[in-house]
C-alpha atoms as a PDB file:
ATOM      1  CA  MET A   1     -41.339 129.201-102.709  1.00  0.00           C
ATOM      2  CA  ALA A   2     -43.465 126.487-101.085  1.00  0.00           C
ATOM      3  CA  THR A   3     -47.235 126.938-101.375  1.00  0.00           C
ATOM      4  CA  LEU A   4     -49.621 125.505 -98.775  1.00  0.00           C
ATOM      5  CA  ILE A   5     -53.352 125.935 -99.409  1.00  0.00           C
ATOM      6  CA  GLY A   6     -56.109 125.110 -96.942  1.00  0.00           C
ATOM      7  CA  THR A   7     -59.800 124.413 -97.376  1.00  0.00           C
ATOM      8  CA  ASP A   8     -63.035 125.836 -96.013  1.00  0.00           C
ATOM      9  CA  ALA A   9     -62.557 123.624 -92.941  1.00  0.00           C
ATOM     10  CA  GLY A  10     -60.232 124.293 -90.004  1.00  0.00           C
ATOM     11  CA  ASP A  11     -56.775 123.418 -91.353  1.00  0.00           C
ATOM     12  CA  THR A  12     -53.308 123.102 -89.799  1.00  0.00           C
ATOM     13  CA  LEU A  13     -50.609 124.245 -92.240  1.00  0.00           C
ATOM     14  CA  THR A  14     -46.914 124.410 -91.324  1.00  0.00           C
ATOM     15  CA  GLY A  15     -44.255 125.930 -93.547  1.00  0.00           C
ATOM     16  CA  GLY A  16     -40.558 125.169 -93.654  1.00  0.00           C
ATOM     17  CA  ASN A  17     -37.417 127.274 -93.900  1.00  0.00           C
ATOM     18  CA  GLU A  18     -38.217 128.589 -97.390  1.00  0.00           C
ATOM     19  CA  ASN A  19     -40.204 131.691 -98.330  1.00  0.00           C
ATOM     20  CA  ASP A  20     -43.649 130.111 -98.084  1.00  0.00           C
ATOM     21  CA  LEU A  21     -47.100 131.149 -99.260  1.00  0.00           C
ATOM     22  CA  ILE A  22     -49.633 129.816 -96.743  1.00  0.00           C
ATOM     23  CA  ALA A  23     -53.352 130.435 -97.340  1.00  0.00           C
ATOM     24  CA  GLY A  24     -55.863 129.105 -94.840  1.00  0.00           C
ATOM     25  CA  LEU A  25     -58.954 130.122 -96.849  1.00  0.00           C
ATOM     26  CA  GLY A  26     -62.160 129.406 -94.868  1.00  0.00           C
ATOM     27  CA  GLY A  27     -62.420 127.864 -91.421  1.00  0.00           C
ATOM     28  CA  GLY A  28     -60.589 128.510 -88.167  1.00  0.00           C
ATOM     29  CA  ASP A  29     -57.053 127.586 -89.193  1.00  0.00           C
ATOM     30  CA  SER A  30     -53.686 127.116 -87.492  1.00  0.00           C
ATOM     31  CA  LEU A  31     -50.986 128.553 -89.773  1.00  0.00           C
ATOM     32  CA  VAL A  32     -47.263 128.318 -88.921  1.00  0.00           C
ATOM     33  CA  GLY A  33     -44.788 130.038 -91.195  1.00  0.00           C
ATOM     34  CA  GLY A  34     -41.371 128.681 -90.306  1.00  0.00           C
ATOM     35  CA  GLU A  35     -38.112 130.562 -90.827  1.00  0.00           C
ATOM     36  CA  GLY A  36     -38.444 132.114 -94.304  1.00  0.00           C
ATOM     37  CA  ASN A  37     -39.923 135.422 -95.455  1.00  0.00           C
ATOM     38  CA  ASP A  38     -43.488 134.144 -95.602  1.00  0.00           C
ATOM     39  CA  THR A  39     -46.827 135.380 -96.902  1.00  0.00           C
ATOM     40  CA  ILE A  40     -49.593 134.130 -94.609  1.00  0.00           C
ATOM     41  CA  LEU A  41     -53.230 134.727 -95.568  1.00  0.00           C
ATOM     42  CA  GLY A  42     -55.704 133.828 -92.856  1.00  0.00           C
ATOM     43  CA  ASP A  43     -58.896 134.327 -94.867  1.00  0.00           C
ATOM     44  CA  ALA A  44     -58.516 135.551 -98.452  1.00  0.00           C
ATOM     45  CA  ASN A  45     -58.395 134.539-102.050  1.00  0.00           C
ATOM     46  CA  TYR A  46     -55.193 135.396-103.873  1.00  0.00           C
ATOM     47  CA  THR A  47     -53.447 135.584-107.243  1.00  0.00           C
ATOM     48  CA  VAL A  48     -49.737 134.970-107.873  1.00  0.00           C
ATOM     49  CA  PHE A  49     -47.983 137.065-110.538  1.00  0.00           C
ATOM     50  CA  GLY A  50     -44.439 135.708-110.783  1.00  0.00           C
ATOM     51  CA  SER A  51     -42.951 136.440-107.352  1.00  0.00           C
ATOM     52  CA  ILE A  52     -45.782 138.830-106.369  1.00  0.00           C
ATOM     53  CA  VAL A  53     -48.781 137.651-104.343  1.00  0.00           C
ATOM     54  CA  GLN A  54     -51.933 139.779-104.580  1.00  0.00           C
ATOM     55  CA  ALA A  55     -54.613 139.051-101.986  1.00  0.00           C
ATOM     56  CA  GLN A  56     -58.262 139.742-102.738  1.00  0.00           C
ATOM     57  CA  LEU A  57     -59.981 140.647 -99.504  1.00  0.00           C
ATOM     58  CA  GLY A  58     -63.388 140.076-101.081  1.00  0.00           C
ATOM     59  CA  GLN A  59     -66.336 140.133 -98.690  1.00  0.00           C
ATOM     60  CA  ALA A  60     -65.698 140.775 -95.022  1.00  0.00           C
ATOM     61  CA  LEU A  61     -64.827 137.665 -93.041  1.00  0.00           C
ATOM     62  CA  ALA A  62     -65.051 136.944 -89.326  1.00  0.00           C
ATOM     63  CA  ILE A  63     -63.443 133.505 -88.957  1.00  0.00           C
ATOM     64  CA  ASN A  64     -60.727 133.394 -86.299  1.00  0.00           C
ATOM     65  CA  ASP A  65     -57.349 131.840 -87.054  1.00  0.00           C
ATOM     66  CA  VAL A  66     -54.166 131.172 -85.087  1.00  0.00           C
ATOM     67  CA  ILE A  67     -51.131 132.406 -87.041  1.00  0.00           C
ATOM     68  CA  VAL A  68     -47.491 131.962 -85.977  1.00  0.00           C
ATOM     69  CA  ALA A  69     -45.190 133.531 -88.542  1.00  0.00           C
ATOM     70  CA  GLY A  70     -41.798 132.422 -87.176  1.00  0.00           C
ATOM     71  CA  GLY A  71     -38.528 133.967 -88.335  1.00  0.00           C
ATOM     72  CA  GLY A  72     -38.107 136.120 -91.417  1.00  0.00           C
ATOM     73  CA  ASN A  73     -39.808 139.262 -92.673  1.00  0.00           C
ATOM     74  CA  ASP A  74     -43.415 138.149 -93.100  1.00  0.00           C
ATOM     75  CA  TRP A  75     -46.621 139.589 -94.547  1.00  0.00           C
ATOM     76  CA  ILE A  76     -49.741 138.461 -92.687  1.00  0.00           C
ATOM     77  CA  LEU A  77     -53.386 139.014 -93.608  1.00  0.00           C
ATOM     78  CA  ALA A  78     -55.602 138.495 -90.557  1.00  0.00           C
ATOM     79  CA  THR A  79     -59.150 139.207 -89.454  1.00  0.00           C
ATOM     80  CA  SER A  80     -60.023 141.128 -86.325  1.00  0.00           C
ATOM     81  CA  GLY A  81     -60.349 138.196 -83.914  1.00  0.00           C
ATOM     82  CA  ASP A  82     -57.244 136.267 -84.923  1.00  0.00           C
ATOM     83  CA  ILE A  83     -54.359 135.299 -82.644  1.00  0.00           C
ATOM     84  CA  VAL A  84     -51.154 136.329 -84.426  1.00  0.00           C
ATOM     85  CA  ASP A  85     -47.501 136.039 -83.385  1.00  0.00           C
ATOM     86  CA  GLY A  86     -45.182 137.595 -85.929  1.00  0.00           C
ATOM     87  CA  GLY A  87     -42.058 136.042 -84.442  1.00  0.00           C
ATOM     88  CA  ALA A  88     -38.625 137.367 -85.350  1.00  0.00           C
ATOM     89  CA  GLY A  89     -38.016 139.702 -88.271  1.00  0.00           C
ATOM     90  CA  ILE A  90     -39.818 142.807 -89.521  1.00  0.00           C
ATOM     91  CA  ASP A  91     -43.415 141.683 -89.991  1.00  0.00           C
ATOM     92  CA  LEU A  92     -46.316 143.502 -91.650  1.00  0.00           C
ATOM     93  CA  ILE A  93     -49.932 142.681 -90.843  1.00  0.00           C
ATOM     94  CA  ASP A  94     -53.114 143.741 -92.629  1.00  0.00           C
ATOM     95  CA  ILE A  95     -56.023 143.469 -90.169  1.00  0.00           C
ATOM     96  CA  ASP A  96     -59.386 143.104 -91.918  1.00  0.00           C
ATOM     97  CA  ALA A  97     -62.060 144.287 -89.456  1.00  0.00           C
ATOM     98  CA  ARG A  98     -64.754 144.956 -92.070  1.00  0.00           C
ATOM     99  CA  ALA A  99     -67.049 142.299 -90.625  1.00  0.00           C
ATOM    100  CA  ILE A 100     -67.537 144.514 -87.547  1.00  0.00           C
ATOM    101  CA  THR A 101     -70.689 146.637 -87.893  1.00  0.00           C
ATOM    102  CA  THR A 102     -70.460 148.463 -84.553  1.00  0.00           C
ATOM    103  CA  ALA A 103     -68.150 151.389 -83.832  1.00  0.00           C
ATOM    104  CA  ILE A 104     -64.428 150.588 -83.528  1.00  0.00           C
ATOM    105  CA  ASN A 105     -62.256 152.810 -81.314  1.00  0.00           C
ATOM    106  CA  LEU A 106     -58.508 152.528 -81.971  1.00  0.00           C
ATOM    107  CA  ASP A 107     -56.334 155.038 -80.084  1.00  0.00           C
ATOM    108  CA  PHE A 108     -52.574 154.544 -80.215  1.00  0.00           C
ATOM    109  CA  THR A 109     -51.453 157.746 -78.541  1.00  0.00           C
ATOM    110  CA  SER A 110     -50.618 155.941 -75.295  1.00  0.00           C
ATOM    111  CA  GLN A 111     -50.589 152.229 -76.156  1.00  0.00           C
ATOM    112  CA  THR A 112     -48.847 149.979 -78.634  1.00  0.00           C
ATOM    113  CA  TYR A 113     -50.426 148.745 -81.829  1.00  0.00           C
ATOM    114  CA  GLY A 114     -50.584 145.159 -80.630  1.00  0.00           C
ATOM    115  CA  ALA A 115     -52.224 145.910 -77.284  1.00  0.00           C
ATOM    116  CA  GLY A 116     -54.560 148.545 -78.701  1.00  0.00           C
ATOM    117  CA  ALA A 117     -55.704 146.475 -81.653  1.00  0.00           C
ATOM    118  CA  GLY A 118     -56.195 143.405 -79.486  1.00  0.00           C
ATOM    119  CA  ALA A 119     -58.293 145.258 -76.920  1.00  0.00           C
ATOM    120  CA  ALA A 120     -60.490 146.951 -79.529  1.00  0.00           C
ATOM    121  CA  LEU A 121     -60.887 144.099 -82.008  1.00  0.00           C
ATOM    122  CA  GLY A 122     -60.874 141.016 -79.783  1.00  0.00           C
ATOM    123  CA  GLY A 123     -57.718 139.437 -81.180  1.00  0.00           C
ATOM    124  CA  ILE A 124     -54.154 138.999 -79.931  1.00  0.00           C
ATOM    125  CA  PHE A 125     -51.354 140.561 -82.005  1.00  0.00           C
ATOM    126  CA  SER A 126     -47.748 140.211 -80.848  1.00  0.00           C
ATOM    127  CA  ASN A 127     -44.293 140.685 -82.391  1.00  0.00           C
ATOM    128  CA  ILE A 128     -45.697 142.718 -85.291  1.00  0.00           C
ATOM    129  CA  GLU A 129     -43.741 145.751 -86.465  1.00  0.00           C
ATOM    130  CA  VAL A 130     -46.041 147.291 -89.115  1.00  0.00           C
ATOM    131  CA  PHE A 131     -49.851 147.440 -88.898  1.00  0.00           C
ATOM    132  CA  ARG A 132     -52.429 148.351 -91.557  1.00  0.00           C
ATOM    133  CA  PHE A 133     -56.126 148.510 -90.641  1.00  0.00           C
ATOM    134  CA  TRP A 134     -59.302 147.995 -92.698  1.00  0.00           C
ATOM    135  CA  LEU A 135     -62.258 149.098 -90.551  1.00  0.00           C
ATOM    136  CA  GLY A 136     -65.945 148.186 -90.691  1.00  0.00           C
ATOM    137  CA  SER A 137     -69.256 149.908 -91.346  1.00  0.00           C
ATOM    138  CA  GLY A 138     -69.700 151.549 -87.937  1.00  0.00           C
ATOM    139  CA  ASN A 139     -68.851 155.126 -87.006  1.00  0.00           C
ATOM    140  CA  ASP A 140     -65.218 154.388 -86.215  1.00  0.00           C
ATOM    141  CA  THR A 141     -62.491 156.408 -84.496  1.00  0.00           C
ATOM    142  CA  PHE A 142     -58.815 155.944 -85.342  1.00  0.00           C
ATOM    143  CA  VAL A 143     -56.073 157.937 -83.590  1.00  0.00           C
ATOM    144  CA  GLY A 144     -52.632 157.008 -84.846  1.00  0.00           C
ATOM    145  CA  SER A 145     -49.225 156.956 -83.241  1.00  0.00           C
ATOM    146  CA  ALA A 146     -46.027 158.858 -83.995  1.00  0.00           C
ATOM    147  CA  ASP A 147     -45.157 156.104 -86.480  1.00  0.00           C
ATOM    148  CA  HIS A 148     -46.385 155.683 -90.044  1.00  0.00           C
ATOM    149  CA  ASP A 149     -50.080 154.764 -89.782  1.00  0.00           C
ATOM    150  CA  TYR A 150     -52.276 153.227 -92.482  1.00  0.00           C
ATOM    151  CA  VAL A 151     -56.057 152.976 -92.105  1.00  0.00           C
ATOM    152  CA  ASP A 152     -59.013 152.446 -94.427  1.00  0.00           C
ATOM    153  CA  GLY A 153     -62.075 153.750 -92.592  1.00  0.00           C
ATOM    154  CA  GLY A 154     -64.607 151.812 -94.658  1.00  0.00           C
ATOM    155  CA  ALA A 155     -68.267 152.776 -94.459  1.00  0.00           C
ATOM    156  CA  GLY A 156     -69.746 154.878 -91.663  1.00  0.00           C
ATOM    157  CA  ASN A 157     -69.069 158.395 -90.419  1.00  0.00           C
ATOM    158  CA  ASP A 158     -65.493 157.963 -89.251  1.00  0.00           C
ATOM    159  CA  LEU A 159     -62.950 160.123 -87.431  1.00  0.00           C
ATOM    160  CA  LEU A 160     -59.430 159.403 -88.685  1.00  0.00           C
ATOM    161  CA  SER A 161     -56.409 161.061 -87.088  1.00  0.00           C
ATOM    162  CA  GLY A 162     -52.978 159.978 -88.211  1.00  0.00           C
ATOM    163  CA  GLY A 163     -50.668 161.446 -85.589  1.00  0.00           C
ATOM    164  CA  ASP A 164     -47.182 162.733 -86.391  1.00  0.00           C
ATOM    165  CA  GLY A 165     -45.873 160.167 -88.872  1.00  0.00           C
ATOM    166  CA  ASN A 166     -46.187 159.931 -92.645  1.00  0.00           C
ATOM    167  CA  ASP A 167     -49.640 158.387 -92.633  1.00  0.00           C
ATOM    168  CA  THR A 168     -52.124 157.118 -95.201  1.00  0.00           C
ATOM    169  CA  LEU A 169     -55.772 157.742 -94.284  1.00  0.00           C
ATOM    170  CA  LEU A 170     -58.392 156.326 -96.652  1.00  0.00           C
ATOM    171  CA  SER A 171     -61.942 157.580 -96.403  1.00  0.00           C
ATOM    172  CA  GLY A 172     -64.860 155.477 -97.605  1.00  0.00           C
ATOM    173  CA  ASN A 173     -68.625 155.909 -97.761  1.00  0.00           C
ATOM    174  CA  GLY A 174     -69.991 158.262 -95.133  1.00  0.00           C
ATOM    175  CA  ASN A 175     -69.267 161.748 -93.844  1.00  0.00           C
ATOM    176  CA  ASP A 176     -65.764 161.367 -92.466  1.00  0.00           C
ATOM    177  CA  THR A 177     -63.543 163.764 -90.560  1.00  0.00           C
ATOM    178  CA  VAL A 178     -59.799 163.492 -91.101  1.00  0.00           C
ATOM    179  CA  ASN A 179     -57.338 165.182 -88.750  1.00  0.00           C
ATOM    180  CA  GLY A 180     -53.992 165.377 -90.513  1.00  0.00           C
ATOM    181  CA  GLY A 181     -50.537 166.588 -89.643  1.00  0.00           C
ATOM    182  CA  ALA A 182     -47.145 167.018 -91.236  1.00  0.00           C
ATOM    183  CA  GLY A 183     -46.473 164.409 -93.870  1.00  0.00           C
ATOM    184  CA  GLU A 184     -50.059 163.114 -94.028  1.00  0.00           C
ATOM    185  CA  ARG A 185     -51.500 161.555 -97.166  1.00  0.00           C
ATOM    186  CA  PHE A 186     -55.298 161.607 -97.337  1.00  0.00           C
ATOM    187  CA  VAL A 187     -57.148 159.617 -99.987  1.00  0.00           C
ATOM    188  CA  ASP A 188     -60.890 159.661-100.617  1.00  0.00           C
ATOM    189  CA  PRO A 189     -61.768 156.895-103.093  1.00  0.00           C
ATOM    190  CA  ILE A 190     -65.379 158.029-103.525  1.00  0.00           C
ATOM    191  CA  ALA A 191     -65.505 160.208-106.638  1.00  0.00           C
ATOM    192  CA  GLY A 192     -66.967 163.664-106.129  1.00  0.00           C
ATOM    193  CA  ARG A 193     -66.728 163.613-102.342  1.00  0.00           C
ATOM    194  CA  CYS A 194     -64.544 165.457 -99.921  1.00  0.00           C
ATOM    195  CA  CYS A 195     -64.298 165.295 -96.219  1.00  0.00           C
ATOM    196  CA  ASP A 196     -63.749 167.703 -93.350  1.00  0.00           C
ATOM    197  CA  VAL A 197     -59.957 167.823 -93.176  1.00  0.00           C
ATOM    198  CA  HIS A 198     -58.009 169.547 -90.393  1.00  0.00           C
ATOM    199  CA  GLY A 199     -54.318 170.355 -90.380  1.00  0.00           C
ATOM    200  CA  MET A 200     -53.838 169.778 -94.093  1.00  0.00           C
ATOM    201  CA  GLU A 201     -54.976 171.032 -97.447  1.00  0.00           C
ATOM    202  CA  GLN A 202     -58.480 169.867 -98.293  1.00  0.00           C
ATOM    203  CA  TRP A 203     -58.574 167.259-101.049  1.00  0.00           C
ATOM    204  CA  GLN A 204     -61.426 166.323-103.348  1.00  0.00           C
ATOM    205  CA  SER A 205     -61.470 163.398-105.732  1.00  0.00           C
ATOM    206  CA  GLN A 206     -62.198 164.062-109.383  1.00  0.00           C
END
């Protein structure tokens, strides 16, 4: 696995045909993955355990990168305003929107993930097959699709609705409302709290 590491400046990093680890770190970077099954981290610290890469999101970031993953099945960590093209393959993207302090409205009942996320978050996301969202401190609304949704609501009084798929809905600080359905998984990481949960058994952390 080739490893390409940027700096806090705006870097241009281009991978090859191997399974590359490309980390832009700070700055507005241009990251190109090449043909392998790449891990591309727009703005994050990371730790490598053998063949496993663990990204530490750390504090919320709002630096915009251009990421072109290329071929292969890639994992991409991006912030809300990034321009991302997953290319060929089955690509997964984690979108870190925690730097946004105003309300975020993501509704995927009638639009695709890429178009909906781009319109709401100010980025461009194309050729991405699997999305996971980390929202900010505003009073956010998330309405999922019929696919398998994953969202971390973050702080604020959020409304999280997963749709029909087997979804993971994570509640954070605030008084959240979670609308579940068949196959939903609801997680509240704040000990001793529970939320208003519809369509599923109410869950309270211990």
